[in-house]
C-alpha atoms as a PDB file:
ATOM      1  CA  MET A   1      49.646 162.463 110.598  1.00  0.00           C
ATOM      2  CA  THR A   2      51.561 159.819 108.665  1.00  0.00           C
ATOM      3  CA  ARG A   3      55.168 160.316 107.610  1.00  0.00           C
ATOM      4  CA  LYS A   4      54.015 160.672 103.993  1.00  0.00           C
ATOM      5  CA  GLU A   5      51.654 163.487 105.009  1.00  0.00           C
ATOM      6  CA  GLU A   6      54.419 165.152 107.041  1.00  0.00           C
ATOM      7  CA  ILE A   7      56.740 165.139 104.040  1.00  0.00           C
ATOM      8  CA  GLU A   8      54.071 166.470 101.667  1.00  0.00           C
ATOM      9  CA  THR A   9      53.133 169.246 104.110  1.00  0.00           C
ATOM     10  CA  ALA A  10      56.772 170.231 104.551  1.00  0.00           C
ATOM     11  CA  ALA A  11      57.259 170.276 100.769  1.00  0.00           C
ATOM     12  CA  LYS A  12      54.269 172.594 100.342  1.00  0.00           C
ATOM     13  CA  GLU A  13      55.506 174.908 103.106  1.00  0.00           C
ATOM     14  CA  ARG A  14      59.039 175.131 101.701  1.00  0.00           C
ATOM     15  CA  CYS A  15      58.302 175.192  97.958  1.00  0.00           C
ATOM     16  CA  LEU A  16      55.569 177.767  97.567  1.00  0.00           C
ATOM     17  CA  GLY A  17      53.842 178.676  94.351  1.00  0.00           C
ATOM     18  CA  SER A  18      51.957 177.038  91.544  1.00  0.00           C
ATOM     19  CA  SER A  19      54.549 177.259  88.801  1.00  0.00           C
ATOM     20  CA  HIS A  20      56.185 174.277  87.144  1.00  0.00           C
ATOM     21  CA  THR A  21      59.388 175.139  88.994  1.00  0.00           C
ATOM     22  CA  ALA A  22      57.661 175.067  92.391  1.00  0.00           C
ATOM     23  CA  ALA A  23      56.007 171.740  91.539  1.00  0.00           C
ATOM     24  CA  ARG A  24      59.369 170.284  90.478  1.00  0.00           C
ATOM     25  CA  LYS A  25      60.982 171.511  93.705  1.00  0.00           C
ATOM     26  CA  ARG A  26      58.193 169.887  95.747  1.00  0.00           C
ATOM     27  CA  ARG A  27      58.714 166.556  93.935  1.00  0.00           C
ATOM     28  CA  GLU A  28      62.468 166.801  94.519  1.00  0.00           C
ATOM     29  CA  PHE A  29      61.925 167.635  98.197  1.00  0.00           C
ATOM     30  CA  VAL A  30      59.639 164.615  98.614  1.00  0.00           C
ATOM     31  CA  ALA A  31      62.115 162.333  96.822  1.00  0.00           C
ATOM     32  CA  GLY A  32      64.973 163.580  99.003  1.00  0.00           C
ATOM     33  CA  ALA A  33      63.004 163.134 102.222  1.00  0.00           C
ATOM     34  CA  GLN A  34      61.968 159.602 101.224  1.00  0.00           C
ATOM     35  CA  TRP A  35      65.576 158.718 100.372  1.00  0.00           C
ATOM     36  CA  ALA A  36      66.759 160.093 103.734  1.00  0.00           C
ATOM     37  CA  ASP A  37      64.103 158.105 105.596  1.00  0.00           C
ATOM     38  CA  ARG A  38      65.047 154.858 103.810  1.00  0.00           C
ATOM     39  CA  THR A  39      68.743 155.459 104.474  1.00  0.00           C
ATOM     40  CA  MET A  40      68.246 156.087 108.188  1.00  0.00           C
ATOM     41  CA  ILE A  41      65.929 153.082 108.580  1.00  0.00           C
ATOM     42  CA  GLU A  42      68.522 150.863 106.884  1.00  0.00           C
ATOM     43  CA  ARG A  43      71.278 152.203 109.158  1.00  0.00           C
ATOM     44  CA  ALA A  44      69.134 151.699 112.255  1.00  0.00           C
ATOM     45  CA  CYS A  45      68.316 148.118 111.200  1.00  0.00           C
ATOM     46  CA  ASP A  46      71.992 147.384 110.544  1.00  0.00           C
ATOM     47  CA  TRP A  47      72.874 148.707 113.993  1.00  0.00           C
ATOM     48  CA  LEU A  48      70.135 146.649 115.641  1.00  0.00           C
ATOM     49  CA  GLU A  49      71.288 143.473 113.879  1.00  0.00           C
ATOM     50  CA  GLU A  50      74.857 144.045 115.085  1.00  0.00           C
ATOM     51  CA  ASN A  51      74.133 145.212 118.640  1.00  0.00           C
ATOM     52  CA  VAL A  52      70.908 143.650 119.896  1.00  0.00           C
ATOM     53  CA  CYS A  53      71.330 140.120 121.189  1.00  0.00           C
ATOM     54  CA  ASN A  54      68.139 139.320 123.063  1.00  0.00           C
ATOM     55  CA  VAL A  55      64.875 141.235 122.969  1.00  0.00           C
ATOM     56  CA  TYR A  56      62.017 140.310 125.281  1.00  0.00           C
ATOM     57  CA  ASN A  57      58.367 141.281 125.279  1.00  0.00           C
ATOM     58  CA  TYR A  58      56.477 142.478 128.347  1.00  0.00           C
ATOM     59  CA  ARG A  59      55.870 138.854 129.442  1.00  0.00           C
ATOM     60  CA  GLY A  60      59.577 138.036 129.396  1.00  0.00           C
ATOM     61  CA  GLU A  61      59.385 135.960 126.218  1.00  0.00           C
ATOM     62  CA  GLU A  62      62.306 136.294 123.839  1.00  0.00           C
ATOM     63  CA  ILE A  63      61.292 137.904 120.539  1.00  0.00           C
ATOM     64  CA  THR A  64      64.699 138.563 118.984  1.00  0.00           C
ATOM     65  CA  VAL A  65      63.826 136.698 115.789  1.00  0.00           C
ATOM     66  CA  GLY A  66      61.869 139.057 113.578  1.00  0.00           C
ATOM     67  CA  PHE A  67      62.440 142.093 115.793  1.00  0.00           C
ATOM     68  CA  VAL A  68      64.444 144.004 113.182  1.00  0.00           C
ATOM     69  CA  GLU A  69      61.801 143.336 110.508  1.00  0.00           C
ATOM     70  CA  GLN A  70      59.040 144.473 112.880  1.00  0.00           C
ATOM     71  CA  PHE A  71      61.046 147.608 113.643  1.00  0.00           C
ATOM     72  CA  LYS A  72      61.597 148.319 109.956  1.00  0.00           C
ATOM     73  CA  THR A  73      57.907 147.858 109.162  1.00  0.00           C
ATOM     74  CA  ALA A  74      56.910 150.194 112.003  1.00  0.00           C
ATOM     75  CA  MET A  75      59.359 152.878 110.864  1.00  0.00           C
ATOM     76  CA  GLU A  76      58.168 152.747 107.253  1.00  0.00           C
ATOM     77  CA  LEU A  77      54.576 153.663 108.150  1.00  0.00           C
END
């Protein structure tokens, strides 16, 4: 299950009903969860940029350059 599917499922479970109010609450839940995810990914990337000096792959090759972007891309899926 993708993160998007997880959020949508959680919204449906927490905001039951078919009224306009329930639909609005589901949209607000999804928006809040997406905002929280973006915020935490940004904080994690900031921390990595400040604290990770050298990152190596399984062959011992340095892959520091681009690591934070690869991490961010993986977390956004």
